[in-house]
PDB file of all heavy atoms in Angstrom:
ATOM      1  N   ALA A   1      10.793  28.190  -0.221  1.00  0.00           N
ATOM      2  CA  ALA A   1      12.170  28.143   0.157  1.00  0.00           C
ATOM      3  C   ALA A   1      12.484  29.204   1.327  1.00  0.00           C
ATOM      4  O   ALA A   1      11.742  30.242   1.494  1.00  0.00           O
ATOM      5  CB  ALA A   1      13.011  28.705  -1.023  1.00  0.00           C
ATOM      6  N   PRO A   2      13.362  28.808   2.253  1.00  0.00           N
ATOM      7  CA  PRO A   2      14.403  27.929   2.083  1.00  0.00           C
ATOM      8  C   PRO A   2      13.989  26.527   2.487  1.00  0.00           C
ATOM      9  O   PRO A   2      14.829  25.598   2.506  1.00  0.00           O
ATOM     10  CB  PRO A   2      15.462  28.478   2.998  1.00  0.00           C
ATOM     11  CG  PRO A   2      14.713  29.063   4.117  1.00  0.00           C
ATOM     12  CD  PRO A   2      13.487  29.687   3.435  1.00  0.00           C
ATOM     13  N   SER A   3      12.762  26.182   2.834  1.00  0.00           N
ATOM     14  CA  SER A   3      12.286  24.841   3.178  1.00  0.00           C
ATOM     15  C   SER A   3      12.645  23.993   1.971  1.00  0.00           C
ATOM     16  O   SER A   3      12.489  24.375   0.821  1.00  0.00           O
ATOM     17  CB  SER A   3      10.813  24.792   3.493  1.00  0.00           C
ATOM     18  OG  SER A   3      10.429  23.517   3.715  1.00  0.00           O
ATOM     19  N   ARG A   4      12.887  22.714   2.282  1.00  0.00           N
ATOM     20  CA  ARG A   4      13.330  21.691   1.164  1.00  0.00           C
ATOM     21  C   ARG A   4      12.351  20.484   1.290  1.00  0.00           C
ATOM     22  O   ARG A   4      12.580  19.697   0.428  1.00  0.00           O
ATOM     23  CB  ARG A   4      14.717  21.295   1.380  1.00  0.00           C
ATOM     24  CG  ARG A   4      15.733  22.461   1.317  1.00  0.00           C
ATOM     25  CD  ARG A   4      17.097  22.112   1.799  1.00  0.00           C
ATOM     26  NE  ARG A   4      17.491  20.708   1.665  1.00  0.00           N
ATOM     27  CZ  ARG A   4      18.693  20.236   1.301  1.00  0.00           C
ATOM     28  NH1 ARG A   4      19.540  21.136   0.900  1.00  0.00           N
ATOM     29  NH2 ARG A   4      19.022  18.992   1.257  1.00  0.00           N
ATOM     30  N   VAL A   5      11.461  20.472   2.167  1.00  0.00           N
ATOM     31  CA  VAL A   5      10.637  19.272   2.359  1.00  0.00           C
ATOM     32  C   VAL A   5       9.178  19.516   1.862  1.00  0.00           C
ATOM     33  O   VAL A   5       8.641  20.518   2.077  1.00  0.00           O
ATOM     34  CB  VAL A   5      10.552  18.907   3.856  1.00  0.00           C
ATOM     35  CG1 VAL A   5       9.680  17.708   4.052  1.00  0.00           C
ATOM     36  CG2 VAL A   5      11.996  18.635   4.364  1.00  0.00           C
ATOM     37  N   THR A   6       8.769  18.458   1.194  1.00  0.00           N
ATOM     38  CA  THR A   6       7.370  18.365   0.754  1.00  0.00           C
ATOM     39  C   THR A   6       6.741  17.103   1.290  1.00  0.00           C
ATOM     40  O   THR A   6       7.448  16.131   1.485  1.00  0.00           O
ATOM     41  CB  THR A   6       7.125  18.451  -0.710  1.00  0.00           C
ATOM     42  OG1 THR A   6       7.781  17.284  -1.384  1.00  0.00           O
ATOM     43  CG2 THR A   6       7.654  19.769  -1.265  1.00  0.00           C
ATOM     44  N   ALA A   7       5.490  17.058   1.604  1.00  0.00           N
ATOM     45  CA  ALA A   7       4.730  15.850   2.031  1.00  0.00           C
ATOM     46  C   ALA A   7       3.379  15.877   1.488  1.00  0.00           C
ATOM     47  O   ALA A   7       2.776  16.889   1.306  1.00  0.00           O
ATOM     48  CB  ALA A   7       4.689  15.815   3.484  1.00  0.00           C
ATOM     49  N   ASN A   8       3.071  14.659   0.949  1.00  0.00           N
ATOM     50  CA  ASN A   8       1.694  14.461   0.339  1.00  0.00           C
ATOM     51  C   ASN A   8       1.031  13.188   0.854  1.00  0.00           C
ATOM     52  O   ASN A   8       1.798  12.245   1.017  1.00  0.00           O
ATOM     53  CB  ASN A   8       1.854  14.309  -1.258  1.00  0.00           C
ATOM     54  CG  ASN A   8       2.268  15.616  -1.871  1.00  0.00           C
ATOM     55  OD1 ASN A   8       1.594  16.588  -1.967  1.00  0.00           O
ATOM     56  ND2 ASN A   8       3.476  15.692  -2.361  1.00  0.00           N
ATOM     57  N   LEU A   9      -0.208  13.274   1.109  1.00  0.00           N
ATOM     58  CA  LEU A   9      -1.064  12.124   1.396  1.00  0.00           C
ATOM     59  C   LEU A   9      -1.567  11.568   0.117  1.00  0.00           C
ATOM     60  O   LEU A   9      -2.239  12.215  -0.643  1.00  0.00           O
ATOM     61  CB  LEU A   9      -2.214  12.531   2.282  1.00  0.00           C
ATOM     62  CG  LEU A   9      -2.765  11.388   3.188  1.00  0.00           C
ATOM     63  CD1 LEU A   9      -1.731  10.760   4.031  1.00  0.00           C
ATOM     64  CD2 LEU A   9      -3.965  11.898   3.993  1.00  0.00           C
ATOM     65  N   VAL A  10      -1.121  10.327  -0.248  1.00  0.00           N
ATOM     66  CA  VAL A  10      -1.447   9.704  -1.550  1.00  0.00           C
ATOM     67  C   VAL A  10      -2.323   8.557  -1.369  1.00  0.00           C
ATOM     68  O   VAL A  10      -2.028   7.596  -0.556  1.00  0.00           O
ATOM     69  CB  VAL A  10      -0.116   9.314  -2.191  1.00  0.00           C
ATOM     70  CG1 VAL A  10      -0.440   8.852  -3.657  1.00  0.00           C
ATOM     71  CG2 VAL A  10       0.864  10.386  -2.242  1.00  0.00           C
ATOM     72  N   HIS A  11      -3.528   8.602  -2.117  1.00  0.00           N
ATOM     73  CA  HIS A  11      -4.527   7.589  -1.895  1.00  0.00           C
ATOM     74  C   HIS A  11      -4.500   6.709  -3.235  1.00  0.00           C
ATOM     75  O   HIS A  11      -4.774   7.285  -4.226  1.00  0.00           O
ATOM     76  CB  HIS A  11      -5.922   8.235  -1.772  1.00  0.00           C
ATOM     77  CG  HIS A  11      -6.012   9.287  -0.721  1.00  0.00           C
ATOM     78  ND1 HIS A  11      -6.599   9.100   0.444  1.00  0.00           N
ATOM     79  CD2 HIS A  11      -5.482  10.536  -0.688  1.00  0.00           C
ATOM     80  CE1 HIS A  11      -6.529  10.148   1.192  1.00  0.00           C
ATOM     81  NE2 HIS A  11      -5.806  11.096   0.562  1.00  0.00           N
ATOM     82  N   PHE A  12      -4.248   5.438  -3.080  1.00  0.00           N
ATOM     83  CA  PHE A  12      -4.153   4.553  -4.160  1.00  0.00           C
ATOM     84  C   PHE A  12      -5.351   3.534  -4.121  1.00  0.00           C
ATOM     85  O   PHE A  12      -5.678   2.849  -3.058  1.00  0.00           O
ATOM     86  CB  PHE A  12      -2.963   3.565  -4.070  1.00  0.00           C
ATOM     87  CG  PHE A  12      -1.611   4.302  -4.175  1.00  0.00           C
ATOM     88  CD1 PHE A  12      -1.015   4.866  -3.146  1.00  0.00           C
ATOM     89  CD2 PHE A  12      -0.958   4.342  -5.436  1.00  0.00           C
ATOM     90  CE1 PHE A  12       0.237   5.562  -3.212  1.00  0.00           C
ATOM     91  CE2 PHE A  12       0.270   5.046  -5.568  1.00  0.00           C
ATOM     92  CZ  PHE A  12       0.908   5.603  -4.460  1.00  0.00           C
ATOM     93  N   MET A  13      -6.210   3.566  -5.124  1.00  0.00           N
ATOM     94  CA  MET A  13      -7.304   2.613  -5.214  1.00  0.00           C
ATOM     95  C   MET A  13      -6.793   1.271  -5.432  1.00  0.00           C
ATOM     96  O   MET A  13      -5.578   1.084  -5.881  1.00  0.00           O
ATOM     97  CB  MET A  13      -8.275   2.975  -6.255  1.00  0.00           C
ATOM     98  CG  MET A  13      -8.916   4.453  -6.035  1.00  0.00           C
ATOM     99  SD  MET A  13      -9.818   4.572  -4.408  1.00  0.00           S
ATOM    100  CE  MET A  13      -8.706   5.720  -3.586  1.00  0.00           C
ATOM    101  N   PRO A  14      -7.575   0.169  -5.173  1.00  0.00           N
ATOM    102  CA  PRO A  14      -6.999  -1.169  -5.364  1.00  0.00           C
ATOM    103  C   PRO A  14      -6.441  -1.361  -6.790  1.00  0.00           C
ATOM    104  O   PRO A  14      -6.970  -0.997  -7.747  1.00  0.00           O
ATOM    105  CB  PRO A  14      -8.234  -2.054  -5.184  1.00  0.00           C
ATOM    106  CG  PRO A  14      -9.100  -1.291  -4.197  1.00  0.00           C
ATOM    107  CD  PRO A  14      -8.941   0.165  -4.656  1.00  0.00           C
ATOM    108  N   GLY A  15      -5.088  -1.821  -6.760  1.00  0.00           N
ATOM    109  CA  GLY A  15      -4.382  -2.068  -8.001  1.00  0.00           C
ATOM    110  C   GLY A  15      -3.674  -1.013  -8.564  1.00  0.00           C
ATOM    111  O   GLY A  15      -2.905  -1.131  -9.385  1.00  0.00           O
ATOM    112  N   ALA A  16      -3.820   0.313  -7.990  1.00  0.00           N
ATOM    113  CA  ALA A  16      -3.140   1.423  -8.473  1.00  0.00           C
ATOM    114  C   ALA A  16      -1.741   1.406  -7.891  1.00  0.00           C
ATOM    115  O   ALA A  16      -1.422   0.954  -6.834  1.00  0.00           O
ATOM    116  CB  ALA A  16      -3.944   2.735  -8.070  1.00  0.00           C
ATOM    117  N   ARG A  17      -0.819   2.097  -8.709  1.00  0.00           N
ATOM    118  CA  ARG A  17       0.578   2.093  -8.349  1.00  0.00           C
ATOM    119  C   ARG A  17       1.283   3.241  -9.084  1.00  0.00           C
ATOM    120  O   ARG A  17       0.832   3.709 -10.117  1.00  0.00           O
ATOM    121  CB  ARG A  17       1.185   0.790  -8.616  1.00  0.00           C
ATOM    122  CG  ARG A  17       1.152   0.318 -10.063  1.00  0.00           C
ATOM    123  CD  ARG A  17       1.320  -1.152 -10.231  1.00  0.00           C
ATOM    124  NE  ARG A  17       1.327  -1.581 -11.687  1.00  0.00           N
ATOM    125  CZ  ARG A  17       0.167  -2.167 -12.245  1.00  0.00           C
ATOM    126  NH1 ARG A  17      -0.962  -2.169 -11.486  1.00  0.00           N
ATOM    127  NH2 ARG A  17       0.228  -2.573 -13.409  1.00  0.00           N
ATOM    128  N   THR A  18       2.541   3.609  -8.480  1.00  0.00           N
ATOM    129  CA  THR A  18       3.274   4.560  -9.228  1.00  0.00           C
ATOM    130  C   THR A  18       3.973   3.847 -10.361  1.00  0.00           C
ATOM    131  O   THR A  18       4.032   2.608 -10.409  1.00  0.00           O
ATOM    132  CB  THR A  18       4.415   5.103  -8.228  1.00  0.00           C
ATOM    133  OG1 THR A  18       5.323   3.995  -8.046  1.00  0.00           O
ATOM    134  CG2 THR A  18       3.916   5.671  -6.991  1.00  0.00           C
ATOM    135  N   HIS A  19       4.555   4.689 -11.238  1.00  0.00           N
ATOM    136  CA  HIS A  19       5.513   4.041 -12.219  1.00  0.00           C
ATOM    137  C   HIS A  19       6.880   3.894 -11.477  1.00  0.00           C
ATOM    138  O   HIS A  19       7.072   4.375 -10.335  1.00  0.00           O
ATOM    139  CB  HIS A  19       5.707   5.049 -13.321  1.00  0.00           C
ATOM    140  CG  HIS A  19       4.609   5.163 -14.238  1.00  0.00           C
ATOM    141  ND1 HIS A  19       4.549   5.864 -15.452  1.00  0.00           N
ATOM    142  CD2 HIS A  19       3.297   4.645 -14.225  1.00  0.00           C
ATOM    143  CE1 HIS A  19       3.329   5.747 -16.088  1.00  0.00           C
ATOM    144  NE2 HIS A  19       2.612   4.984 -15.198  1.00  0.00           N
ATOM    145  N   TRP A  20       7.778   3.254 -12.052  1.00  0.00           N
ATOM    146  CA  TRP A  20       9.156   3.245 -11.447  1.00  0.00           C
ATOM    147  C   TRP A  20       9.685   4.622 -11.429  1.00  0.00           C
ATOM    148  O   TRP A  20       9.250   5.462 -12.305  1.00  0.00           O
ATOM    149  CB  TRP A  20      10.147   2.451 -12.413  1.00  0.00           C
ATOM    150  CG  TRP A  20       9.888   0.999 -12.358  1.00  0.00           C
ATOM    151  CD1 TRP A  20       9.233   0.195 -13.314  1.00  0.00           C
ATOM    152  CD2 TRP A  20      10.374   0.125 -11.388  1.00  0.00           C
ATOM    153  NE1 TRP A  20       9.351  -1.125 -12.911  1.00  0.00           N
ATOM    154  CE2 TRP A  20       9.968  -1.185 -11.718  1.00  0.00           C
ATOM    155  CE3 TRP A  20      11.163   0.292 -10.184  1.00  0.00           C
ATOM    156  CZ2 TRP A  20      10.346  -2.288 -10.903  1.00  0.00           C
ATOM    157  CZ3 TRP A  20      11.479  -0.846  -9.440  1.00  0.00           C
ATOM    158  CH2 TRP A  20      11.134  -2.163  -9.780  1.00  0.00           C
ATOM    159  N   HIS A  21      10.267   4.899 -10.323  1.00  0.00           N
ATOM    160  CA  HIS A  21      10.871   6.327 -10.233  1.00  0.00           C
ATOM    161  C   HIS A  21      12.000   6.337  -9.283  1.00  0.00           C
ATOM    162  O   HIS A  21      12.257   5.343  -8.532  1.00  0.00           O
ATOM    163  CB  HIS A  21       9.768   7.314  -9.794  1.00  0.00           C
ATOM    164  CG  HIS A  21       9.058   7.022  -8.497  1.00  0.00           C
ATOM    165  ND1 HIS A  21       8.270   6.007  -8.338  1.00  0.00           N
ATOM    166  CD2 HIS A  21       9.189   7.588  -7.312  1.00  0.00           C
ATOM    167  CE1 HIS A  21       7.887   5.937  -7.072  1.00  0.00           C
ATOM    168  NE2 HIS A  21       8.441   6.939  -6.421  1.00  0.00           N
ATOM    169  N   ARG A  22      12.620   7.576  -9.054  1.00  0.00           N
ATOM    170  CA  ARG A  22      13.711   7.667  -8.170  1.00  0.00           C
ATOM    171  C   ARG A  22      13.705   9.121  -7.621  1.00  0.00           C
ATOM    172  O   ARG A  22      13.239  10.044  -8.362  1.00  0.00           O
ATOM    173  CB  ARG A  22      15.103   7.322  -8.792  1.00  0.00           C
ATOM    174  CG  ARG A  22      15.443   8.149  -9.959  1.00  0.00           C
ATOM    175  CD  ARG A  22      16.718   7.705 -10.641  1.00  0.00           C
ATOM    176  NE  ARG A  22      17.047   8.467 -11.790  1.00  0.00           N
ATOM    177  CZ  ARG A  22      17.719   9.648 -11.792  1.00  0.00           C
ATOM    178  NH1 ARG A  22      18.020  10.248 -10.647  1.00  0.00           N
ATOM    179  NH2 ARG A  22      17.898  10.365 -12.958  1.00  0.00           N
ATOM    180  N   HIS A  23      14.193   9.305  -6.402  1.00  0.00           N
ATOM    181  CA  HIS A  23      14.292  10.590  -5.772  1.00  0.00           C
ATOM    182  C   HIS A  23      15.763  10.941  -5.465  1.00  0.00           C
ATOM    183  O   HIS A  23      16.365  10.081  -4.866  1.00  0.00           O
ATOM    184  CB  HIS A  23      13.476  10.619  -4.428  1.00  0.00           C
ATOM    185  CG  HIS A  23      12.072  10.245  -4.606  1.00  0.00           C
ATOM    186  ND1 HIS A  23      11.085  11.117  -5.033  1.00  0.00           N
ATOM    187  CD2 HIS A  23      11.374   8.979  -4.590  1.00  0.00           C
ATOM    188  CE1 HIS A  23       9.894  10.561  -5.067  1.00  0.00           C
ATOM    189  NE2 HIS A  23      10.051   9.187  -4.862  1.00  0.00           N
ATOM    190  N   PRO A  24      16.296  12.029  -6.127  1.00  0.00           N
ATOM    191  CA  PRO A  24      17.668  12.214  -5.956  1.00  0.00           C
ATOM    192  C   PRO A  24      18.047  12.486  -4.418  1.00  0.00           C
ATOM    193  O   PRO A  24      19.281  12.174  -4.078  1.00  0.00           O
ATOM    194  CB  PRO A  24      17.899  13.549  -6.753  1.00  0.00           C
ATOM    195  CG  PRO A  24      16.831  13.512  -7.820  1.00  0.00           C
ATOM    196  CD  PRO A  24      15.646  12.802  -7.130  1.00  0.00           C
ATOM    197  N   LEU A  25      17.176  12.818  -3.659  1.00  0.00           N
ATOM    198  CA  LEU A  25      17.481  12.979  -2.110  1.00  0.00           C
ATOM    199  C   LEU A  25      16.767  11.985  -1.221  1.00  0.00           C
ATOM    200  O   LEU A  25      16.781  12.221  -0.007  1.00  0.00           O
ATOM    201  CB  LEU A  25      17.212  14.449  -1.734  1.00  0.00           C
ATOM    202  CG  LEU A  25      18.086  15.628  -2.456  1.00  0.00           C
ATOM    203  CD1 LEU A  25      17.553  16.873  -1.935  1.00  0.00           C
ATOM    204  CD2 LEU A  25      19.552  15.314  -2.167  1.00  0.00           C
ATOM    205  N   GLY A  26      16.264  10.958  -1.842  1.00  0.00           N
ATOM    206  CA  GLY A  26      15.648   9.923  -1.038  1.00  0.00           C
ATOM    207  C   GLY A  26      14.117  10.196  -0.800  1.00  0.00           C
ATOM    208  O   GLY A  26      13.639  11.315  -1.136  1.00  0.00           O
ATOM    209  N   GLN A  27      13.384   9.250  -0.291  1.00  0.00           N
ATOM    210  CA  GLN A  27      11.963   9.364   0.033  1.00  0.00           C
ATOM    211  C   GLN A  27      11.645   8.465   1.285  1.00  0.00           C
ATOM    212  O   GLN A  27      12.060   7.365   1.391  1.00  0.00           O
ATOM    213  CB  GLN A  27      11.180   9.026  -1.189  1.00  0.00           C
ATOM    214  CG  GLN A  27       9.574   9.098  -0.879  1.00  0.00           C
ATOM    215  CD  GLN A  27       8.854   8.634  -2.000  1.00  0.00           C
ATOM    216  OE1 GLN A  27       9.006   7.495  -2.512  1.00  0.00           O
ATOM    217  NE2 GLN A  27       7.797   9.445  -2.403  1.00  0.00           N
ATOM    218  N   THR A  28      10.779   9.104   2.097  1.00  0.00           N
ATOM    219  CA  THR A  28      10.166   8.263   3.141  1.00  0.00           C
ATOM    220  C   THR A  28       8.736   8.087   2.850  1.00  0.00           C
ATOM    221  O   THR A  28       8.015   9.096   2.442  1.00  0.00           O
ATOM    222  CB  THR A  28      10.247   8.961   4.529  1.00  0.00           C
ATOM    223  OG1 THR A  28      11.641   9.015   4.878  1.00  0.00           O
ATOM    224  CG2 THR A  28       9.467   8.092   5.684  1.00  0.00           C
ATOM    225  N   VAL A  29       8.209   6.886   2.959  1.00  0.00           N
ATOM    226  CA  VAL A  29       6.754   6.570   2.808  1.00  0.00           C
ATOM    227  C   VAL A  29       6.325   6.019   4.099  1.00  0.00           C
ATOM    228  O   VAL A  29       6.862   5.100   4.617  1.00  0.00           O
ATOM    229  CB  VAL A  29       6.548   5.637   1.566  1.00  0.00           C
ATOM    230  CG1 VAL A  29       5.241   5.008   1.595  1.00  0.00           C
ATOM    231  CG2 VAL A  29       6.896   6.198   0.294  1.00  0.00           C
ATOM    232  N   PHE A  30       5.221   6.582   4.668  1.00  0.00           N
ATOM    233  CA  PHE A  30       4.630   6.130   5.851  1.00  0.00           C
ATOM    234  C   PHE A  30       3.173   5.659   5.581  1.00  0.00           C
ATOM    235  O   PHE A  30       2.300   6.537   5.180  1.00  0.00           O
ATOM    236  CB  PHE A  30       4.660   7.139   6.969  1.00  0.00           C
ATOM    237  CG  PHE A  30       4.075   6.667   8.284  1.00  0.00           C
ATOM    238  CD1 PHE A  30       4.836   5.871   9.176  1.00  0.00           C
ATOM    239  CD2 PHE A  30       2.789   7.074   8.693  1.00  0.00           C
ATOM    240  CE1 PHE A  30       4.296   5.429  10.365  1.00  0.00           C
ATOM    241  CE2 PHE A  30       2.267   6.612   9.862  1.00  0.00           C
ATOM    242  CZ  PHE A  30       3.010   5.911  10.721  1.00  0.00           C
ATOM    243  N   VAL A  31       2.811   4.360   5.673  1.00  0.00           N
ATOM    244  CA  VAL A  31       1.497   3.867   5.351  1.00  0.00           C
ATOM    245  C   VAL A  31       0.461   4.264   6.520  1.00  0.00           C
ATOM    246  O   VAL A  31       0.728   3.946   7.672  1.00  0.00           O
ATOM    247  CB  VAL A  31       1.542   2.349   5.193  1.00  0.00           C
ATOM    248  CG1 VAL A  31       0.220   1.777   4.814  1.00  0.00           C
ATOM    249  CG2 VAL A  31       2.510   1.929   4.034  1.00  0.00           C
ATOM    250  N   THR A  32      -0.639   4.844   6.176  1.00  0.00           N
ATOM    251  CA  THR A  32      -1.627   5.221   7.129  1.00  0.00           C
ATOM    252  C   THR A  32      -2.816   4.352   7.098  1.00  0.00           C
ATOM    253  O   THR A  32      -3.567   4.197   8.106  1.00  0.00           O
ATOM    254  CB  THR A  32      -2.055   6.663   6.998  1.00  0.00           C
ATOM    255  OG1 THR A  32      -2.668   6.821   5.704  1.00  0.00           O
ATOM    256  CG2 THR A  32      -0.828   7.657   7.167  1.00  0.00           C
ATOM    257  N   GLU A  33      -3.172   3.778   5.944  1.00  0.00           N
ATOM    258  CA  GLU A  33      -4.333   2.976   5.830  1.00  0.00           C
ATOM    259  C   GLU A  33      -4.165   1.851   4.724  1.00  0.00           C
ATOM    260  O   GLU A  33      -3.495   2.006   3.798  1.00  0.00           O
ATOM    261  CB  GLU A  33      -5.610   3.868   5.307  1.00  0.00           C
ATOM    262  CG  GLU A  33      -6.069   4.882   6.250  1.00  0.00           C
ATOM    263  CD  GLU A  33      -7.238   5.606   5.708  1.00  0.00           C
ATOM    264  OE1 GLU A  33      -8.276   5.001   5.357  1.00  0.00           O
ATOM    265  OE2 GLU A  33      -7.086   6.850   5.571  1.00  0.00           O
ATOM    266  N   GLY A  34      -4.914   0.807   4.840  1.00  0.00           N
ATOM    267  CA  GLY A  34      -4.964  -0.230   3.844  1.00  0.00           C
ATOM    268  C   GLY A  34      -3.710  -1.135   3.814  1.00  0.00           C
ATOM    269  O   GLY A  34      -2.972  -1.343   4.750  1.00  0.00           O
TER     270      GLY A  34
END
């Protein structure tokens, strides 16, 4: 703090996925591979 931003590089193996979810302040996803 006072920064409010986090960023993670997330690697999903074939067939892997998040559960349903929501972000109170929104989310940007930028695809880098696959």
